[in-house]
Amino acid sequence: MLTYDMNTRGKMPRYQFLYQCIRNDILQGVIRSDEKLPSKRALARHLHLSVVTVENAYHLLEIEGYIYAKERSGYFAERLQHRPAPPPPRPQYVKEPEEREFFADFSSNKVEHSLFPNSVLTKLFREVLSAQDQNMLKTVPYNGTAALRYAIANYLINYRGMQVDPGQVIIGCGTEYLYGRLLECFAHGGVLGLEDPGNHKFAKIAERIHLPVRYLPLDKDGVSIRALRDSDVSVLHLSPANIFPTGRLIPIKRRLEILNWLYENEDRYLIEDDFDCEFNTYGTSTQSIYSSDYQDRTIYLNSFSKSMLPSLRVAYMILPRTLLKRYRDEISFYSCTVSSLQQTVLAHFIERGHFERHLSHVNNVLKARKTALLREVRHAGLHHLGTIRIPLAGTAIFLENLTLPASAEIAKRNAEQLDVRLAFVADYMQCPTEEAKKTLILNYASVSQERFPEALRRVRTAITYPRLPMP
């Protein structure tokens, strides 16, 4: 008689536990092929179960083909290839490691959560949900909802002077997602060029689809034209309004040189990453290269991660018409990864002027925060350890030519022991220079102003001690 300990089933229904026990015995060969199983009543009495419980277990075994029934004879085990291995143990819950939160994270350029326009967006979400628009239930087109694409196009026309057709706009769940889809258009024969230093996360995306990557050094005006011309790059990635992470701008002379390089070969394209373009100290955003490209070979890329919230996960790209057909033919089978609800709310947020007002507010807060940071940097005496550089773009200041008693890596480890995270320009370079190893980045967007005095005191300790003792 089949015997199973029903007390070990946990919260599993009795019939399902009995089904699993008999199934495993059949697969392991404990119950042989064509062996007769106990009758439902007999097994129910033996295991102190109801007949209905046994009946449900047998029914499920029969449906899945583990047993078969003979009229007036009962149930028999099917002829199966026995599984020699024992059944796997019940899976245990694996606790995901939590991202550490620092007292001050000067390596992050994410805007502090307190600046998120929560109240306005809450009202818009309620409004959109209350409208019960049936269009919200439809499948989102591969390039995003028409409402958000029109809103973005109008915003770029009105505030950036860019001539954009909504049909050129592609919405996606974050810059990395869109970048991956975009690079698939160049997977056969393309070569990606990246600024060095720069955001090398894009290199990892390219490598996943076996797209070769070339790292191009920077000079005082941006990517080196000599290095670019000496390379075999066909797709160049730039952040002209804010060369990450340096905060420098590409001047018009270099922009024109880049466009001339672009026009020399009809297979070349430029990816203009305008992330962070909304935050600067000179008032308005610079004109995009996209606006100056009369041959329509620039791909414009931007995101709401910095201007709104990283977890919002909404980004967009503007494809030149010369590339749009190829993207539609090769990539449009991918579904849009942003919900219709989220896109509708964001479209209202932009169309009704909330986005512009939000950017103005955040810029004012960040300008005041930068002033406070500079004051506290001097108060902490950090200006005696290096040269302060205040970039025009971005949300960071730099301490260059630092006098470090040890290395940048030890300074970062010291800082982590003091619950502060630091980054140097060298962290964003493929082949770090000595100058980059002595240039500290102090991002102030995600650090509250009230913490500046204590945080910078800890920074000074971290970079002036050869090595802090382990706690």
Protein backbone atom coordinates (compact mmCIF):
# COMPACT_ATOMS: atom_id res chain seq x y z
CA MET A 1 0.00 0.00 0.00
CA LEU A 2 1.27 3.47 -0.90
CA THR A 3 2.26 5.38 2.24
CA TYR A 4 3.02 9.10 2.41
CA ASP A 5 3.40 11.49 5.34
CA MET A 6 0.68 14.02 4.69
CA ASN A 7 1.96 16.20 7.55
CA THR A 8 4.92 17.33 5.38
CA ARG A 9 2.72 18.95 2.73
CA GLY A 10 2.91 22.43 4.32
CA LYS A 11 0.19 24.64 2.88
CA MET A 12 -0.19 22.57 -0.29
CA PRO A 13 -3.69 21.11 -0.90
CA ARG A 14 -3.94 17.41 0.05
CA TYR A 15 -4.89 16.21 -3.42
CA GLN A 16 -1.96 18.09 -5.01
CA PHE A 17 0.52 16.71 -2.48
CA LEU A 18 -0.77 13.15 -3.05
CA TYR A 19 -0.55 13.67 -6.81
CA GLN A 20 3.10 14.80 -6.53
CA CYS A 21 4.04 11.84 -4.30
CA ILE A 22 2.55 9.26 -6.67
CA ARG A 23 3.95 11.06 -9.71
CA ASN A 24 7.48 11.03 -8.27
CA ASP A 25 7.20 7.32 -7.38
CA ILE A 26 6.18 6.53 -10.95
CA LEU A 27 9.05 8.59 -12.40
CA GLN A 28 11.58 7.01 -10.02
CA GLY A 29 10.39 3.48 -10.76
CA VAL A 30 9.14 2.89 -7.21
CA ILE A 31 5.79 2.22 -8.85
CA ARG A 32 6.60 0.01 -11.83
CA SER A 33 5.09 0.28 -15.30
CA ASP A 34 1.62 -1.27 -15.54
CA GLU A 35 1.54 -1.76 -11.75
CA LYS A 36 -1.97 -1.47 -10.33
CA LEU A 37 -2.60 1.40 -7.94
CA PRO A 38 -4.74 0.98 -4.81
CA SER A 39 -8.41 1.66 -5.20
CA LYS A 40 -9.57 5.14 -4.29
CA ARG A 41 -11.45 3.96 -1.21
CA ALA A 42 -8.63 1.74 0.03
CA LEU A 43 -6.00 4.47 -0.35
CA ALA A 44 -8.32 7.01 1.28
CA ARG A 45 -8.79 4.77 4.33
CA HIS A 46 -5.03 4.03 4.53
CA LEU A 47 -3.99 7.72 4.42
CA HIS A 48 -6.99 9.01 6.40
CA LEU A 49 -8.15 11.12 3.49
CA SER A 50 -11.49 11.67 1.84
CA VAL A 51 -12.29 9.65 -1.28
CA VAL A 52 -12.75 12.94 -3.16
CA THR A 53 -9.12 13.92 -2.36
CA VAL A 54 -7.78 10.64 -3.79
CA GLU A 55 -10.15 10.89 -6.74
CA ASN A 56 -8.85 14.40 -7.59
CA ALA A 57 -5.23 13.24 -7.35
CA TYR A 58 -5.88 10.23 -9.61
CA HIS A 59 -7.78 12.42 -12.05
CA LEU A 60 -4.83 14.83 -12.35
CA LEU A 61 -2.38 11.93 -12.80
CA GLU A 62 -4.56 10.51 -15.54
CA ILE A 63 -4.89 13.84 -17.35
CA GLU A 64 -1.12 14.30 -17.41
CA GLY A 65 -0.52 10.75 -18.58
CA TYR A 66 1.11 9.21 -15.50
CA ILE A 67 -1.60 6.59 -15.02
CA TYR A 68 -4.32 4.98 -17.15
CA ALA A 69 -7.66 3.43 -16.25
CA LYS A 70 -9.05 0.01 -17.19
CA GLU A 71 -12.77 -0.42 -17.01
CA ARG A 72 -13.77 -2.37 -13.86
CA SER A 73 -10.08 -2.99 -13.08
CA GLY A 74 -8.84 0.32 -11.65
CA TYR A 75 -5.81 2.51 -12.33
CA PHE A 76 -2.36 1.42 -13.55
CA ALA A 77 1.00 3.19 -13.92
CA GLU A 78 1.94 4.19 -17.46
CA ARG A 79 5.06 2.89 -19.14
CA LEU A 80 7.50 5.77 -18.78
CA GLN A 81 11.24 6.24 -18.89
CA HIS A 82 12.14 6.37 -15.24
CA ARG A 83 13.97 9.38 -13.92
CA PRO A 84 17.07 8.15 -12.05
CA ALA A 85 17.70 11.34 -10.06
CA PRO A 86 15.79 12.00 -6.84
CA PRO A 87 13.15 14.74 -6.94
CA PRO A 88 14.67 18.20 -6.44
CA PRO A 89 14.32 19.77 -3.02
CA ARG A 90 11.69 22.40 -2.55
CA PRO A 91 13.10 25.77 -3.62
CA GLN A 92 14.17 28.04 -0.80
CA TYR A 93 13.55 31.77 -0.86
CA VAL A 94 16.69 33.56 -1.99
CA LYS A 95 17.00 37.00 -0.47
CA GLU A 96 18.04 39.59 -3.02
CA PRO A 97 20.99 41.74 -1.96
CA GLU A 98 19.86 45.27 -1.20
CA GLU A 99 21.64 48.21 -2.77
CA ARG A 100 23.57 50.00 -0.09
CA GLU A 101 22.41 53.48 0.77
CA PHE A 102 25.19 55.86 1.75
CA PHE A 103 25.08 58.85 4.03
CA ALA A 104 26.27 60.77 0.96
CA ASP A 105 26.71 59.37 -2.55
CA PHE A 106 28.81 61.86 -4.52
CA SER A 107 29.24 59.35 -7.36
CA SER A 108 25.56 59.40 -8.34
CA ASN A 109 24.11 62.11 -10.59
CA LYS A 110 20.51 61.09 -9.94
CA VAL A 111 18.24 63.88 -8.73
CA GLU A 112 17.16 63.53 -5.10
CA HIS A 113 13.78 61.79 -4.68
CA SER A 114 12.33 64.72 -2.74
CA LEU A 115 12.31 66.77 -5.97
CA PHE A 116 9.98 64.34 -7.74
CA PRO A 117 6.64 66.07 -8.65
CA ASN A 118 4.61 63.52 -6.75
CA SER A 119 1.44 65.56 -6.09
CA VAL A 120 0.98 66.66 -9.72
CA LEU A 121 1.53 63.17 -11.12
CA THR A 122 -0.80 61.63 -8.53
CA LYS A 123 -3.61 63.94 -9.72
CA LEU A 124 -2.88 63.10 -13.35
CA PHE A 125 -2.91 59.35 -12.67
CA ARG A 126 -6.30 59.68 -10.95
CA GLU A 127 -7.65 61.79 -13.80
CA VAL A 128 -6.50 59.34 -16.47
CA LEU A 129 -7.84 56.32 -14.59
CA SER A 130 -11.18 58.03 -13.92
CA ALA A 131 -11.64 58.83 -17.61
CA GLN A 132 -11.90 55.08 -18.39
CA ASP A 133 -10.60 55.66 -21.91
CA GLN A 134 -10.94 52.44 -23.92
CA ASN A 135 -7.78 53.31 -25.83
CA MET A 136 -5.88 52.59 -22.62
CA LEU A 137 -6.77 48.92 -23.02
CA LYS A 138 -5.37 48.60 -26.53
CA THR A 139 -1.94 47.21 -27.32
CA VAL A 140 0.67 49.98 -27.36
CA PRO A 141 2.33 50.42 -30.79
CA TYR A 142 6.01 49.43 -31.02
CA ASN A 143 7.04 53.11 -31.04
CA GLY A 144 4.80 54.23 -28.16
CA THR A 145 1.46 55.98 -27.83
CA ALA A 146 0.65 58.75 -30.25
CA ALA A 147 -0.15 61.10 -27.34
CA LEU A 148 3.32 60.91 -25.80
CA ARG A 149 5.11 61.01 -29.15
CA TYR A 150 3.22 64.19 -30.10
CA ALA A 151 3.89 65.73 -26.68
CA ILE A 152 7.65 65.04 -26.95
CA ALA A 153 7.80 66.31 -30.53
CA ASN A 154 6.02 69.56 -29.60
CA TYR A 155 8.25 70.04 -26.56
CA LEU A 156 11.40 69.64 -28.68
CA ILE A 157 10.03 72.01 -31.32
CA ASN A 158 9.02 74.70 -28.80
CA TYR A 159 11.89 74.50 -26.33
CA ARG A 160 14.82 73.03 -28.24
CA GLY A 161 14.16 74.37 -31.76
CA MET A 162 14.25 70.84 -33.22
CA GLN A 163 12.11 69.98 -36.22
CA VAL A 164 10.70 66.61 -35.19
CA ASP A 165 7.85 64.59 -36.68
CA PRO A 166 6.02 62.45 -34.08
CA GLY A 167 6.47 59.50 -36.42
CA GLN A 168 10.22 59.69 -35.81
CA VAL A 169 9.84 59.30 -32.03
CA ILE A 170 10.43 55.88 -30.42
CA ILE A 171 9.46 55.39 -26.75
CA GLY A 172 11.19 52.76 -24.62
CA CYS A 173 11.77 51.61 -21.07
CA GLY A 174 15.04 53.39 -20.38
CA THR A 175 18.00 54.49 -22.45
CA GLU A 176 19.73 51.09 -22.23
CA TYR A 177 16.71 49.34 -23.76
CA LEU A 178 16.47 51.78 -26.67
CA TYR A 179 20.22 51.67 -27.18
CA GLY A 180 20.16 47.91 -27.47
CA ARG A 181 17.36 48.00 -30.04
CA LEU A 182 19.06 50.79 -31.98
CA LEU A 183 22.44 49.06 -32.19
CA GLU A 184 20.80 46.01 -33.73
CA CYS A 185 20.38 48.15 -36.87
CA PHE A 186 24.20 48.33 -37.07
CA ALA A 187 24.99 44.79 -35.93
CA HIS A 188 26.30 43.76 -39.34
CA GLY A 189 29.37 45.76 -40.31
CA GLY A 190 29.04 48.68 -37.91
CA VAL A 191 31.69 49.92 -35.44
CA LEU A 192 30.65 51.96 -32.39
CA GLY A 193 32.80 54.87 -31.20
CA LEU A 194 32.57 56.02 -27.56
CA GLU A 195 34.03 58.99 -25.73
CA ASP A 196 36.76 58.10 -23.25
CA PRO A 197 36.06 59.03 -20.48
CA GLY A 198 32.37 58.38 -20.96
CA ASN A 199 29.44 56.12 -20.17
CA HIS A 200 30.93 52.72 -20.94
CA LYS A 201 27.69 50.92 -20.11
CA PHE A 202 26.88 51.35 -23.79
CA ALA A 203 29.99 49.33 -24.65
CA LYS A 204 28.57 46.37 -22.74
CA ILE A 205 25.33 46.62 -24.73
CA ALA A 206 27.28 46.68 -28.00
CA GLU A 207 29.40 43.72 -26.99
CA ARG A 208 26.26 41.68 -26.30
CA ILE A 209 25.38 41.85 -30.00
CA HIS A 210 29.03 41.49 -31.10
CA LEU A 211 29.31 45.08 -32.32
CA PRO A 212 32.95 46.24 -32.20
CA VAL A 213 33.70 49.22 -29.93
CA ARG A 214 36.43 51.85 -30.22
CA TYR A 215 37.28 54.20 -27.33
CA LEU A 216 38.13 57.70 -28.53
CA PRO A 217 40.18 60.06 -26.31
CA LEU A 218 39.04 63.59 -25.52
CA ASP A 219 40.85 66.87 -25.83
CA LYS A 220 39.75 70.25 -24.47
CA ASP A 221 36.95 70.50 -27.10
CA GLY A 222 35.61 66.97 -26.87
CA VAL A 223 36.28 63.83 -28.87
CA SER A 224 39.61 64.02 -30.69
CA ILE A 225 39.05 64.55 -34.42
CA ARG A 226 42.44 63.03 -35.21
CA ALA A 227 41.59 59.88 -33.25
CA LEU A 228 38.16 59.75 -34.90
CA ARG A 229 39.60 60.00 -38.41
CA ASP A 230 42.25 57.40 -37.66
CA SER A 231 39.57 54.95 -36.49
CA ASP A 232 37.12 52.72 -38.40
CA VAL A 233 34.14 54.04 -36.44
CA SER A 234 30.86 54.21 -38.38
CA VAL A 235 28.46 55.01 -35.49
CA LEU A 236 29.70 57.73 -33.13
CA HIS A 237 28.15 58.26 -29.68
CA LEU A 238 28.51 61.77 -28.23
CA SER A 239 27.05 63.81 -25.36
CA PRO A 240 27.78 67.30 -26.76
CA ALA A 241 25.72 69.31 -24.23
CA ASN A 242 27.44 67.61 -21.29
CA ILE A 243 30.45 65.41 -22.00
CA PHE A 244 29.98 62.75 -19.34
CA PRO A 245 31.42 62.82 -16.72
CA THR A 246 33.50 65.97 -17.27
CA GLY A 247 30.64 68.48 -17.62
CA ARG A 248 32.30 70.13 -20.63
CA LEU A 249 30.50 71.25 -23.81
CA ILE A 250 31.52 70.56 -27.40
CA PRO A 251 32.01 74.02 -29.01
CA ILE A 252 30.62 74.86 -32.44
CA LYS A 253 33.99 74.48 -34.18
CA ARG A 254 34.31 70.86 -33.06
CA ARG A 255 30.65 70.16 -33.82
CA LEU A 256 31.16 71.27 -37.41
CA GLU A 257 34.26 69.10 -37.69
CA ILE A 258 32.23 66.12 -36.46
CA LEU A 259 29.47 66.83 -38.99
CA ASN A 260 32.05 67.03 -41.79
CA TRP A 261 33.38 63.63 -40.73
CA LEU A 262 29.80 62.33 -40.70
CA TYR A 263 29.07 63.51 -44.23
CA GLU A 264 32.18 61.95 -45.74
CA ASN A 265 30.55 58.51 -45.75
CA GLU A 266 26.84 57.82 -46.25
CA ASP A 267 27.02 54.80 -43.91
CA ARG A 268 28.05 56.90 -40.89
CA TYR A 269 25.64 57.91 -38.13
CA LEU A 270 25.85 60.03 -35.00
CA ILE A 271 24.08 59.18 -31.73
CA GLU A 272 23.53 62.42 -29.82
CA ASP A 273 22.96 61.53 -26.17
CA ASP A 274 21.35 64.64 -24.67
CA PHE A 275 21.02 63.21 -21.18
CA ASP A 276 21.35 65.95 -18.55
CA CYS A 277 20.96 68.74 -21.13
CA GLU A 278 18.29 70.41 -18.97
CA PHE A 279 20.70 71.14 -16.12
CA ASN A 280 23.39 73.79 -16.64
CA THR A 281 24.60 77.14 -15.34
CA TYR A 282 24.25 79.15 -18.55
CA GLY A 283 20.45 79.41 -18.60
CA THR A 284 19.14 77.56 -21.67
CA SER A 285 20.13 74.34 -23.39
CA THR A 286 22.58 74.57 -26.28
CA GLN A 287 21.36 73.85 -29.78
CA SER A 288 21.47 70.15 -30.54
CA ILE A 289 23.66 68.72 -33.27
CA TYR A 290 20.45 67.10 -34.53
CA SER A 291 19.16 70.59 -35.44
CA SER A 292 22.29 71.36 -37.47
CA ASP A 293 22.43 68.06 -39.36
CA TYR A 294 21.06 68.89 -42.82
CA GLN A 295 21.80 65.39 -44.11
CA ASP A 296 19.55 63.77 -41.48
CA ARG A 297 22.09 61.34 -40.06
CA THR A 298 21.82 62.14 -36.31
CA ILE A 299 19.94 59.95 -33.83
CA TYR A 300 18.74 61.98 -30.84
CA LEU A 301 18.54 60.15 -27.51
CA ASN A 302 17.16 61.44 -24.20
CA SER A 303 15.52 60.21 -21.03
CA PHE A 304 13.27 61.37 -18.18
CA SER A 305 15.43 59.52 -15.65
CA LYS A 306 17.41 62.57 -14.52
CA SER A 307 14.76 65.22 -15.09
CA MET A 308 12.02 63.22 -13.33
CA LEU A 309 13.04 60.00 -11.54
CA PRO A 310 15.29 57.05 -12.50
CA SER A 311 12.64 54.48 -11.62
CA LEU A 312 10.21 56.12 -14.07
CA ARG A 313 12.11 54.22 -16.79
CA VAL A 314 10.93 56.26 -19.78
CA ALA A 315 13.29 57.30 -22.54
CA TYR A 316 12.91 58.26 -26.17
CA MET A 317 14.93 58.55 -29.34
CA ILE A 318 14.37 60.51 -32.53
CA LEU A 319 15.35 58.51 -35.57
CA PRO A 320 16.45 60.28 -38.75
CA ARG A 321 14.23 59.48 -41.71
CA THR A 322 17.17 57.78 -43.40
CA LEU A 323 17.15 55.16 -40.62
CA LEU A 324 13.45 54.98 -39.78
CA LYS A 325 12.50 52.45 -42.48
CA ARG A 326 15.35 50.12 -41.51
CA TYR A 327 14.28 50.28 -37.87
CA ARG A 328 10.66 49.54 -38.76
CA ASP A 329 11.61 46.62 -41.00
CA GLU A 330 14.10 45.02 -38.61
CA ILE A 331 13.22 46.06 -35.05
CA SER A 332 9.50 46.93 -34.87
CA PHE A 333 8.53 43.36 -33.90
CA TYR A 334 9.64 44.29 -30.37
CA SER A 335 6.72 45.51 -28.25
CA CYS A 336 6.84 48.90 -26.56
CA THR A 337 8.00 48.38 -22.99
CA VAL A 338 6.23 51.32 -21.34
CA SER A 339 2.60 50.98 -20.24
CA SER A 340 -0.15 52.99 -21.91
CA LEU A 341 -1.14 54.45 -18.53
CA GLN A 342 2.33 55.75 -17.81
CA GLN A 343 2.70 57.23 -21.31
CA THR A 344 -0.70 58.96 -21.15
CA VAL A 345 0.07 60.55 -17.79
CA LEU A 346 3.48 61.73 -18.95
CA ALA A 347 1.96 63.18 -22.13
CA HIS A 348 -0.47 65.27 -20.01
CA PHE A 349 2.40 66.29 -17.73
CA ILE A 350 4.34 67.68 -20.70
CA GLU A 351 1.41 69.19 -22.65
CA ARG A 352 0.05 71.15 -19.67
CA GLY A 353 3.38 72.80 -18.92
CA HIS A 354 4.10 70.84 -15.74
CA PHE A 355 7.36 69.51 -17.15
CA GLU A 356 8.75 72.97 -17.89
CA ARG A 357 7.75 74.25 -14.45
CA HIS A 358 9.27 71.18 -12.84
CA LEU A 359 12.57 71.67 -14.69
CA SER A 360 12.66 75.33 -13.66
CA HIS A 361 12.09 74.39 -10.02
CA VAL A 362 14.73 71.64 -10.04
CA ASN A 363 17.26 73.93 -11.73
CA ASN A 364 16.74 76.59 -9.05
CA VAL A 365 17.17 74.00 -6.29
CA LEU A 366 20.32 72.58 -7.89
CA LYS A 367 21.86 76.03 -8.41
CA ALA A 368 21.35 76.81 -4.73
CA ARG A 369 22.74 73.40 -3.83
CA LYS A 370 25.84 73.97 -5.96
CA THR A 371 26.47 77.31 -4.24
CA ALA A 372 26.12 75.61 -0.86
CA LEU A 373 28.45 72.77 -1.91
CA LEU A 374 31.16 75.19 -3.05
CA ARG A 375 30.88 77.05 0.24
CA GLU A 376 31.20 73.84 2.25
CA VAL A 377 34.07 72.56 0.08
CA ARG A 378 36.05 75.64 1.02
CA HIS A 379 34.92 75.46 4.64
CA ALA A 380 36.17 71.85 4.81
CA GLY A 381 39.53 72.98 3.36
CA LEU A 382 39.26 70.75 0.28
CA HIS A 383 40.30 73.63 -1.97
CA HIS A 384 43.76 73.42 -0.38
CA LEU A 385 44.11 69.82 -1.60
CA GLY A 386 43.35 70.46 -5.26
CA THR A 387 41.95 72.88 -7.83
CA ILE A 388 38.21 73.45 -7.95
CA ARG A 389 36.67 73.33 -11.45
CA ILE A 390 33.06 74.37 -11.95
CA PRO A 391 31.71 73.00 -15.26
CA LEU A 392 29.01 74.76 -17.24
CA ALA A 393 26.87 71.63 -17.58
CA GLY A 394 25.78 68.81 -15.33
CA THR A 395 25.33 68.56 -11.58
CA ALA A 396 28.88 68.12 -10.31
CA ILE A 397 31.98 70.09 -9.41
CA PHE A 398 35.51 68.73 -9.71
CA LEU A 399 38.61 68.74 -7.55
CA GLU A 400 41.53 68.43 -9.94
CA ASN A 401 45.22 67.77 -9.32
CA LEU A 402 44.46 66.31 -5.91
CA THR A 403 47.31 65.50 -3.60
CA LEU A 404 46.55 61.92 -2.55
CA PRO A 405 48.78 60.16 0.00
CA ALA A 406 47.83 56.83 -1.58
CA SER A 407 45.69 55.98 -4.63
CA ALA A 408 42.19 56.89 -5.78
CA GLU A 409 41.08 53.33 -5.06
CA ILE A 410 42.20 53.56 -1.43
CA ALA A 411 40.52 56.95 -1.11
CA LYS A 412 37.27 55.39 -2.32
CA ARG A 413 37.60 52.49 0.12
CA ASN A 414 38.30 54.94 2.94
CA ALA A 415 35.17 56.86 1.98
CA GLU A 416 33.00 53.75 1.97
CA GLN A 417 34.14 53.00 5.52
CA LEU A 418 32.86 56.47 6.38
CA ASP A 419 29.54 55.75 4.61
CA VAL A 420 30.35 58.01 1.64
CA ARG A 421 30.70 56.96 -1.98
CA LEU A 422 33.19 58.75 -4.25
CA ALA A 423 34.12 58.57 -7.92
CA PHE A 424 37.10 59.80 -9.91
CA VAL A 425 37.20 60.61 -13.63
CA ALA A 426 39.48 57.60 -14.01
CA ASP A 427 36.52 55.36 -13.12
CA TYR A 428 34.95 56.25 -16.48
CA MET A 429 38.04 55.65 -18.64
CA GLN A 430 39.18 52.61 -20.52
CA CYS A 431 42.83 53.62 -20.08
CA PRO A 432 42.95 56.02 -17.10
CA THR A 433 45.50 58.83 -17.17
CA GLU A 434 47.38 60.06 -14.10
CA GLU A 435 45.45 63.31 -14.32
CA ALA A 436 42.13 61.43 -14.27
CA LYS A 437 43.21 59.44 -11.22
CA LYS A 438 43.67 62.74 -9.36
CA THR A 439 40.35 64.31 -10.40
CA LEU A 440 37.53 63.81 -7.91
CA ILE A 441 33.90 64.19 -8.99
CA LEU A 442 31.48 65.64 -6.46
CA ASN A 443 27.93 65.08 -7.76
CA TYR A 444 25.50 67.06 -5.66
CA ALA A 445 22.14 66.13 -7.25
CA SER A 446 21.39 63.19 -4.97
CA VAL A 447 22.90 64.53 -1.70
CA SER A 448 20.68 66.68 0.48
CA GLN A 449 22.12 70.10 1.26
CA GLU A 450 21.82 69.55 5.02
CA ARG A 451 24.38 66.75 4.83
CA PHE A 452 27.08 68.71 3.00
CA PRO A 453 29.11 69.83 6.05
CA GLU A 454 29.43 66.37 7.60
CA ALA A 455 29.74 64.61 4.24
CA LEU A 456 32.61 66.82 3.08
CA ARG A 457 34.37 66.44 6.41
CA ARG A 458 34.33 62.70 5.77
CA VAL A 459 35.54 63.23 2.20
CA ARG A 460 38.55 65.17 3.48
CA THR A 461 39.35 62.36 5.92
CA ALA A 462 39.03 59.75 3.16
CA ILE A 463 41.39 61.47 0.72
CA THR A 464 44.02 62.66 3.23
CA TYR A 465 44.62 59.40 5.11
CA PRO A 466 46.83 56.73 3.49
CA ARG A 467 44.48 54.01 4.67
CA LEU A 468 41.83 54.00 7.35
CA PRO A 469 41.88 51.09 9.83
CA MET A 470 39.28 48.42 9.14
CA PRO A 471 36.28 48.65 11.49
